[in-house]
C-alpha atoms as a PDB file:
ATOM      1  CA  UNK A   1      12.657  16.802 -20.544  1.00  0.00           C
ATOM      2  CA  UNK A   2      15.737  14.952 -19.323  1.00  0.00           C
ATOM      3  CA  UNK A   3      15.879  13.253 -15.941  1.00  0.00           C
ATOM      4  CA  UNK A   4      18.477  15.734 -14.706  1.00  0.00           C
ATOM      5  CA  UNK A   5      16.268  18.680 -15.664  1.00  0.00           C
ATOM      6  CA  UNK A   6      13.269  17.054 -13.970  1.00  0.00           C
ATOM      7  CA  UNK A   7      15.251  16.590 -10.757  1.00  0.00           C
ATOM      8  CA  UNK A   8      16.503  20.192 -10.926  1.00  0.00           C
ATOM      9  CA  UNK A   9      12.990  21.538 -11.534  1.00  0.00           C
ATOM     10  CA  UNK A  10      11.592  19.444  -8.681  1.00  0.00           C
ATOM     11  CA  UNK A  11      14.350  20.680  -6.364  1.00  0.00           C
ATOM     12  CA  UNK A  12      13.626  24.297  -7.323  1.00  0.00           C
ATOM     13  CA  UNK A  13       9.907  23.820  -6.696  1.00  0.00           C
ATOM     14  CA  UNK A  14      10.699  22.221  -3.324  1.00  0.00           C
ATOM     15  CA  UNK A  15      12.948  25.106  -2.279  1.00  0.00           C
ATOM     16  CA  UNK A  16      10.151  27.527  -3.167  1.00  0.00           C
ATOM     17  CA  UNK A  17       7.730  25.624  -0.966  1.00  0.00           C
ATOM     18  CA  UNK A  18       5.752  24.285  -3.931  1.00  0.00           C
ATOM     19  CA  UNK A  19       5.860  20.667  -2.813  1.00  0.00           C
ATOM     20  CA  UNK A  20       2.806  19.584  -4.825  1.00  0.00           C
ATOM     21  CA  UNK A  21       4.431  20.907  -8.003  1.00  0.00           C
ATOM     22  CA  UNK A  22       7.689  19.127  -7.129  1.00  0.00           C
ATOM     23  CA  UNK A  23       5.827  15.825  -6.691  1.00  0.00           C
ATOM     24  CA  UNK A  24       4.001  16.359 -10.007  1.00  0.00           C
ATOM     25  CA  UNK A  25       7.337  16.857 -11.793  1.00  0.00           C
ATOM     26  CA  UNK A  26       8.826  13.731 -10.173  1.00  0.00           C
ATOM     27  CA  UNK A  27       5.793  11.629 -11.132  1.00  0.00           C
ATOM     28  CA  UNK A  28       6.095  12.951 -14.708  1.00  0.00           C
ATOM     29  CA  UNK A  29       9.774  11.966 -14.707  1.00  0.00           C
ATOM     30  CA  UNK A  30       8.849   8.371 -13.814  1.00  0.00           C
ATOM     31  CA  UNK A  31       6.106   8.315 -16.439  1.00  0.00           C
ATOM     32  CA  UNK A  32       8.571   9.571 -19.034  1.00  0.00           C
ATOM     33  CA  UNK A  33      10.954   6.705 -18.265  1.00  0.00           C
ATOM     34  CA  UNK A  34       8.233   4.051 -18.671  1.00  0.00           C
ATOM     35  CA  UNK A  35       8.503   3.548 -22.477  1.00  0.00           C
ATOM     36  CA  UNK A  36      12.189   2.638 -22.151  1.00  0.00           C
ATOM     37  CA  UNK A  37      11.493  -0.114 -19.602  1.00  0.00           C
ATOM     38  CA  UNK A  38      11.193  -3.817 -20.352  1.00  0.00           C
ATOM     39  CA  UNK A  39       7.634  -5.226 -20.211  1.00  0.00           C
ATOM     40  CA  UNK A  40       7.742  -6.522 -16.592  1.00  0.00           C
ATOM     41  CA  UNK A  41       9.211  -3.243 -15.338  1.00  0.00           C
ATOM     42  CA  UNK A  42       6.702  -1.298 -17.442  1.00  0.00           C
ATOM     43  CA  UNK A  43       3.865  -3.229 -15.808  1.00  0.00           C
ATOM     44  CA  UNK A  44       5.339  -2.531 -12.351  1.00  0.00           C
ATOM     45  CA  UNK A  45       5.650   1.161 -13.285  1.00  0.00           C
ATOM     46  CA  UNK A  46       1.979   1.282 -14.310  1.00  0.00           C
ATOM     47  CA  UNK A  47       0.982  -0.360 -11.030  1.00  0.00           C
ATOM     48  CA  UNK A  48       3.083   2.058  -8.971  1.00  0.00           C
ATOM     49  CA  UNK A  49       1.692   5.020 -10.890  1.00  0.00           C
ATOM     50  CA  UNK A  50      -1.926   3.935 -10.466  1.00  0.00           C
ATOM     51  CA  UNK A  51      -1.723   2.918  -6.824  1.00  0.00           C
ATOM     52  CA  UNK A  52       0.655   5.317  -5.075  1.00  0.00           C
ATOM     53  CA  UNK A  53       1.976   7.737  -7.684  1.00  0.00           C
ATOM     54  CA  UNK A  54       5.495   6.293  -7.367  1.00  0.00           C
ATOM     55  CA  UNK A  55       5.426   7.045  -3.646  1.00  0.00           C
ATOM     56  CA  UNK A  56       4.702  10.740  -4.177  1.00  0.00           C
ATOM     57  CA  UNK A  57       0.961  10.291  -3.583  1.00  0.00           C
ATOM     58  CA  UNK A  58       0.838   8.347  -0.279  1.00  0.00           C
ATOM     59  CA  UNK A  59      -2.781   9.346   0.386  1.00  0.00           C
ATOM     60  CA  UNK A  60      -3.715   6.949  -2.409  1.00  0.00           C
ATOM     61  CA  UNK A  61      -2.148   4.155  -0.364  1.00  0.00           C
ATOM     62  CA  UNK A  62      -4.232   5.122   2.668  1.00  0.00           C
ATOM     63  CA  UNK A  63      -7.395   5.074   0.546  1.00  0.00           C
ATOM     64  CA  UNK A  64      -6.447   1.701  -0.918  1.00  0.00           C
ATOM     65  CA  UNK A  65      -5.833   0.328   2.569  1.00  0.00           C
ATOM     66  CA  UNK A  66      -9.286   1.516   3.634  1.00  0.00           C
ATOM     67  CA  UNK A  67     -10.825  -0.093   0.543  1.00  0.00           C
ATOM     68  CA  UNK A  68      -9.030  -3.366   1.247  1.00  0.00           C
ATOM     69  CA  UNK A  69     -10.158  -3.219   4.874  1.00  0.00           C
ATOM     70  CA  UNK A  70     -13.751  -2.899   3.693  1.00  0.00           C
ATOM     71  CA  UNK A  71     -13.381  -5.719   1.151  1.00  0.00           C
ATOM     72  CA  UNK A  72     -11.633  -8.058   3.595  1.00  0.00           C
ATOM     73  CA  UNK A  73     -14.195  -7.360   6.301  1.00  0.00           C
ATOM     74  CA  UNK A  74     -17.012  -8.228   3.889  1.00  0.00           C
ATOM     75  CA  UNK A  75     -15.261 -11.430   2.731  1.00  0.00           C
ATOM     76  CA  UNK A  76     -14.468 -12.698   6.213  1.00  0.00           C
ATOM     77  CA  UNK A  77     -17.931 -11.773   7.490  1.00  0.00           C
ATOM     78  CA  UNK A  78     -19.511 -13.895   4.745  1.00  0.00           C
ATOM     79  CA  UNK A  79     -16.984 -16.760   5.067  1.00  0.00           C
ATOM     80  CA  UNK A  80     -15.305 -16.693   8.478  1.00  0.00           C
ATOM     81  CA  UNK A  81     -12.053 -18.629   8.861  1.00  0.00           C
ATOM     82  CA  UNK A  82     -11.763 -21.644  11.133  1.00  0.00           C
ATOM     83  CA  UNK A  83     -10.176 -21.612  14.573  1.00  0.00           C
ATOM     84  CA  UNK A  84      -6.551 -22.751  14.787  1.00  0.00           C
ATOM     85  CA  UNK A  85      -5.019 -24.571  17.728  1.00  0.00           C
ATOM     86  CA  UNK A  86      -6.741 -25.605  20.947  1.00  0.00           C
ATOM     87  CA  UNK A  87      -9.973 -23.766  20.187  1.00  0.00           C
ATOM     88  CA  UNK A  88      -9.435 -21.035  22.799  1.00  0.00           C
ATOM     89  CA  UNK A  89      -9.215 -18.275  20.237  1.00  0.00           C
ATOM     90  CA  UNK A  90     -10.543 -14.781  20.914  1.00  0.00           C
ATOM     91  CA  UNK A  91     -13.969 -13.936  19.507  1.00  0.00           C
ATOM     92  CA  UNK A  92     -13.664 -13.592  15.728  1.00  0.00           C
ATOM     93  CA  UNK A  93     -13.956 -10.021  14.466  1.00  0.00           C
ATOM     94  CA  UNK A  94     -13.766  -9.717  10.655  1.00  0.00           C
ATOM     95  CA  UNK A  95     -12.523  -6.102  10.611  1.00  0.00           C
ATOM     96  CA  UNK A  96      -9.817  -6.771  13.213  1.00  0.00           C
ATOM     97  CA  UNK A  97      -8.816  -9.974  11.385  1.00  0.00           C
ATOM     98  CA  UNK A  98      -8.489  -8.016   8.127  1.00  0.00           C
ATOM     99  CA  UNK A  99      -6.446  -5.308   9.872  1.00  0.00           C
ATOM    100  CA  UNK A 100      -4.228  -8.021  11.332  1.00  0.00           C
ATOM    101  CA  UNK A 101      -3.574  -9.268   7.793  1.00  0.00           C
ATOM    102  CA  UNK A 102      -3.069  -5.806   6.270  1.00  0.00           C
ATOM    103  CA  UNK A 103      -0.842  -4.163   8.875  1.00  0.00           C
ATOM    104  CA  UNK A 104       2.697  -5.523   8.978  1.00  0.00           C
ATOM    105  CA  UNK A 105       4.457  -5.769  12.326  1.00  0.00           C
ATOM    106  CA  UNK A 106       1.134  -5.448  14.175  1.00  0.00           C
ATOM    107  CA  UNK A 107      -0.282  -8.431  16.045  1.00  0.00           C
ATOM    108  CA  UNK A 108      -3.929  -8.046  16.978  1.00  0.00           C
ATOM    109  CA  UNK A 109      -4.251 -11.732  17.908  1.00  0.00           C
ATOM    110  CA  UNK A 110      -6.694 -12.668  15.164  1.00  0.00           C
ATOM    111  CA  UNK A 111      -4.359 -13.821  12.370  1.00  0.00           C
ATOM    112  CA  UNK A 112      -2.608 -16.443  14.514  1.00  0.00           C
ATOM    113  CA  UNK A 113      -5.925 -17.701  15.941  1.00  0.00           C
ATOM    114  CA  UNK A 114      -7.818 -18.217  12.680  1.00  0.00           C
ATOM    115  CA  UNK A 115      -7.000 -19.685   9.265  1.00  0.00           C
ATOM    116  CA  UNK A 116      -9.060 -19.169   6.125  1.00  0.00           C
ATOM    117  CA  UNK A 117      -9.698 -22.127   3.868  1.00  0.00           C
ATOM    118  CA  UNK A 118      -9.960 -22.624   0.132  1.00  0.00           C
ATOM    119  CA  UNK A 119      -9.851 -19.565  -2.076  1.00  0.00           C
ATOM    120  CA  UNK A 120      -9.893 -17.291   0.963  1.00  0.00           C
ATOM    121  CA  UNK A 121      -6.349 -18.437   1.732  1.00  0.00           C
ATOM    122  CA  UNK A 122      -5.271 -16.667  -1.438  1.00  0.00           C
ATOM    123  CA  UNK A 123      -7.280 -13.592  -0.491  1.00  0.00           C
ATOM    124  CA  UNK A 124      -5.476 -13.545   2.868  1.00  0.00           C
ATOM    125  CA  UNK A 125      -2.078 -13.868   1.157  1.00  0.00           C
ATOM    126  CA  UNK A 126      -2.972 -10.996  -1.177  1.00  0.00           C
ATOM    127  CA  UNK A 127      -4.041  -8.846   1.765  1.00  0.00           C
ATOM    128  CA  UNK A 128      -0.760  -9.511   3.578  1.00  0.00           C
ATOM    129  CA  UNK A 129       1.377  -8.733   0.502  1.00  0.00           C
ATOM    130  CA  UNK A 130      -0.583  -5.651  -0.460  1.00  0.00           C
ATOM    131  CA  UNK A 131      -0.574  -4.488   3.145  1.00  0.00           C
ATOM    132  CA  UNK A 132       3.226  -4.624   3.253  1.00  0.00           C
ATOM    133  CA  UNK A 133       3.509  -2.651   0.011  1.00  0.00           C
ATOM    134  CA  UNK A 134       0.980   0.014   0.932  1.00  0.00           C
ATOM    135  CA  UNK A 135       2.034   0.385   4.566  1.00  0.00           C
ATOM    136  CA  UNK A 136       5.629   0.884   3.455  1.00  0.00           C
ATOM    137  CA  UNK A 137       4.497   3.555   1.015  1.00  0.00           C
ATOM    138  CA  UNK A 138       2.432   5.318   3.679  1.00  0.00           C
ATOM    139  CA  UNK A 139       5.413   5.252   6.066  1.00  0.00           C
ATOM    140  CA  UNK A 140       7.718   6.686   3.404  1.00  0.00           C
ATOM    141  CA  UNK A 141       5.205   9.421   2.597  1.00  0.00           C
ATOM    142  CA  UNK A 142       4.757  10.258   6.267  1.00  0.00           C
ATOM    143  CA  UNK A 143       8.529  10.461   6.641  1.00  0.00           C
ATOM    144  CA  UNK A 144       8.694  12.954   3.770  1.00  0.00           C
ATOM    145  CA  UNK A 145       5.936  15.068   5.335  1.00  0.00           C
ATOM    146  CA  UNK A 146       7.615  15.041   8.756  1.00  0.00           C
ATOM    147  CA  UNK A 147      10.988  16.066   7.290  1.00  0.00           C
ATOM    148  CA  UNK A 148       9.401  19.110   5.641  1.00  0.00           C
ATOM    149  CA  UNK A 149       7.795  20.354   8.867  1.00  0.00           C
END
């Protein structure tokens, strides 16, 4: 099915109140475009499809954020980061530290007070980057839901 027909079908489903069907059609449209993409874009398309359904399945992003929160909490419980600065940091809390890394634009006071070392630095960088991606997707999905109601 052509992209124009997919958009028209999705719009018709949306007007009829069949939002889940509209999202399914739009995801199928993106999947149909994947073979025509260059390898890096194809890889990005696969990642978007698997993680957040091209933004049409934001609940996946919430579940991934919860999974990353659990993983980060376990990592930083086993290998806590060192205190940064004058040593007057708040008590270290692995879950709050992980949330501080995952949630953009939120400052819970842990990230600026502690710094992971070694390989955990890379884990922290991955949590920050993934947090930005997933939080943006959740916000976009929430915006779509709020516009419909």
